[in-house]
Amino acid sequence: MSLEDQIKQTLDNFDNAQSENILEILKQIKTHFKSELILEYLQGKIQKILDTNDEAEKKKLCKALKPYFDWYLQGL
């Protein structure tokens, strides 16, 4: 499945998606950004989610990064 298909599938069912799957997609999206500042920012956000133990909190933090999915689909 392509990254685009993974993103669309996850967006269609975002509330039920596993945080690990969302993070995996974000890590793949991250490689497409050319700005070092954006890369560092996104990596920091991903790390914060990874450091969180509570699944509900992880989902809340993942939801805040949903625009990255849209940006990728729009062609960055």
C-alpha atoms as a PDB file:
ATOM      1  CA  MET A   1       0.000   0.000   0.000  1.00  0.00           C
ATOM      2  CA  SER A   2       1.362   3.393  -0.942  1.00  0.00           C
ATOM      3  CA  LEU A   3       1.907   6.142   1.597  1.00  0.00           C
ATOM      4  CA  GLU A   4      -0.915   8.131   0.001  1.00  0.00           C
ATOM      5  CA  ASP A   5      -3.290   5.174   0.411  1.00  0.00           C
ATOM      6  CA  GLN A   6      -2.199   4.703   4.034  1.00  0.00           C
ATOM      7  CA  ILE A   7      -2.865   8.376   4.751  1.00  0.00           C
ATOM      8  CA  LYS A   8      -6.301   8.319   3.120  1.00  0.00           C
ATOM      9  CA  GLN A   9      -7.276   5.138   4.947  1.00  0.00           C
ATOM     10  CA  THR A  10      -6.104   6.566   8.275  1.00  0.00           C
ATOM     11  CA  LEU A  11      -7.882   9.889   7.725  1.00  0.00           C
ATOM     12  CA  ASP A  12     -11.113   8.070   6.893  1.00  0.00           C
ATOM     13  CA  ASN A  13     -11.019   6.354  10.277  1.00  0.00           C
ATOM     14  CA  PHE A  14      -8.697   8.603  12.296  1.00  0.00           C
ATOM     15  CA  ASP A  15     -10.533   8.215  15.619  1.00  0.00           C
ATOM     16  CA  ASN A  16     -10.092   4.440  15.518  1.00  0.00           C
ATOM     17  CA  ALA A  17      -6.546   4.392  14.140  1.00  0.00           C
ATOM     18  CA  GLN A  18      -3.762   3.141  16.382  1.00  0.00           C
ATOM     19  CA  SER A  19      -1.318   5.836  17.504  1.00  0.00           C
ATOM     20  CA  GLU A  20       1.571   3.586  16.412  1.00  0.00           C
ATOM     21  CA  ASN A  21       0.209   3.534  12.851  1.00  0.00           C
ATOM     22  CA  ILE A  22      -0.252   7.300  12.846  1.00  0.00           C
ATOM     23  CA  LEU A  23       3.314   7.798  14.074  1.00  0.00           C
ATOM     24  CA  GLU A  24       4.660   5.421  11.428  1.00  0.00           C
ATOM     25  CA  ILE A  25       2.944   7.451   8.712  1.00  0.00           C
ATOM     26  CA  LEU A  26       4.235  10.714  10.198  1.00  0.00           C
ATOM     27  CA  LYS A  27       7.776   9.331  10.147  1.00  0.00           C
ATOM     28  CA  GLN A  28       7.376   8.556   6.447  1.00  0.00           C
ATOM     29  CA  ILE A  29       5.881  11.980   5.717  1.00  0.00           C
ATOM     30  CA  LYS A  30       8.749  13.625   7.591  1.00  0.00           C
ATOM     31  CA  THR A  31      11.240  12.429   4.997  1.00  0.00           C
ATOM     32  CA  HIS A  32       9.494  14.518   2.310  1.00  0.00           C
ATOM     33  CA  PHE A  33      10.002  17.888   3.995  1.00  0.00           C
ATOM     34  CA  LYS A  34      12.929  19.942   2.775  1.00  0.00           C
ATOM     35  CA  SER A  35      12.993  22.468   5.615  1.00  0.00           C
ATOM     36  CA  GLU A  36      15.269  21.451   8.487  1.00  0.00           C
ATOM     37  CA  LEU A  37      13.148  23.515  10.871  1.00  0.00           C
ATOM     38  CA  ILE A  38       9.986  21.583   9.967  1.00  0.00           C
ATOM     39  CA  LEU A  39      11.852  18.275  10.235  1.00  0.00           C
ATOM     40  CA  GLU A  40      13.118  19.107  13.712  1.00  0.00           C
ATOM     41  CA  TYR A  41       9.723  20.376  14.850  1.00  0.00           C
ATOM     42  CA  LEU A  42       7.904  17.274  13.629  1.00  0.00           C
ATOM     43  CA  GLN A  43      10.549  14.954  15.102  1.00  0.00           C
ATOM     44  CA  GLY A  44      10.130  16.690  18.454  1.00  0.00           C
ATOM     45  CA  LYS A  45       6.373  16.213  18.323  1.00  0.00           C
ATOM     46  CA  ILE A  46       6.758  12.545  17.355  1.00  0.00           C
ATOM     47  CA  GLN A  47       9.205  12.008  20.230  1.00  0.00           C
ATOM     48  CA  LYS A  48       6.815  13.627  22.696  1.00  0.00           C
ATOM     49  CA  ILE A  49       4.088  11.212  21.606  1.00  0.00           C
ATOM     50  CA  LEU A  50       6.459   8.246  21.881  1.00  0.00           C
ATOM     51  CA  ASP A  51       7.402   9.325  25.409  1.00  0.00           C
ATOM     52  CA  THR A  52       3.738   9.427  26.474  1.00  0.00           C
ATOM     53  CA  ASN A  53       2.390   6.281  28.145  1.00  0.00           C
ATOM     54  CA  ASP A  54      -1.332   7.080  28.076  1.00  0.00           C
ATOM     55  CA  GLU A  55      -2.989   5.978  24.816  1.00  0.00           C
ATOM     56  CA  ALA A  56      -5.727   8.623  25.105  1.00  0.00           C
ATOM     57  CA  GLU A  57      -3.088  11.349  25.426  1.00  0.00           C
ATOM     58  CA  LYS A  58      -1.170   9.888  22.463  1.00  0.00           C
ATOM     59  CA  LYS A  59      -4.312  10.055  20.328  1.00  0.00           C
ATOM     60  CA  LYS A  60      -4.912  13.668  21.394  1.00  0.00           C
ATOM     61  CA  LEU A  61      -1.348  14.616  20.436  1.00  0.00           C
ATOM     62  CA  CYS A  62      -1.623  12.703  17.145  1.00  0.00           C
ATOM     63  CA  LYS A  63      -4.807  14.579  16.281  1.00  0.00           C
ATOM     64  CA  ALA A  64      -2.887  17.852  16.519  1.00  0.00           C
ATOM     65  CA  LEU A  65      -0.540  16.582  13.778  1.00  0.00           C
ATOM     66  CA  LYS A  66      -3.357  15.686  11.378  1.00  0.00           C
ATOM     67  CA  PRO A  67      -2.593  18.692   9.114  1.00  0.00           C
ATOM     68  CA  TYR A  68       0.645  16.969   8.050  1.00  0.00           C
ATOM     69  CA  PHE A  69      -1.484  14.256   6.443  1.00  0.00           C
ATOM     70  CA  ASP A  70      -3.426  16.890   4.498  1.00  0.00           C
ATOM     71  CA  TRP A  71      -0.255  18.714   3.448  1.00  0.00           C
ATOM     72  CA  TYR A  72       1.221  15.503   2.098  1.00  0.00           C
ATOM     73  CA  LEU A  73      -1.916  14.742   0.107  1.00  0.00           C
ATOM     74  CA  GLN A  74      -1.895  18.273  -1.315  1.00  0.00           C
ATOM     75  CA  GLY A  75       1.663  17.817  -2.507  1.00  0.00           C
ATOM     76  CA  LEU A  76       3.546  19.497   0.362  1.00  0.00           C
END
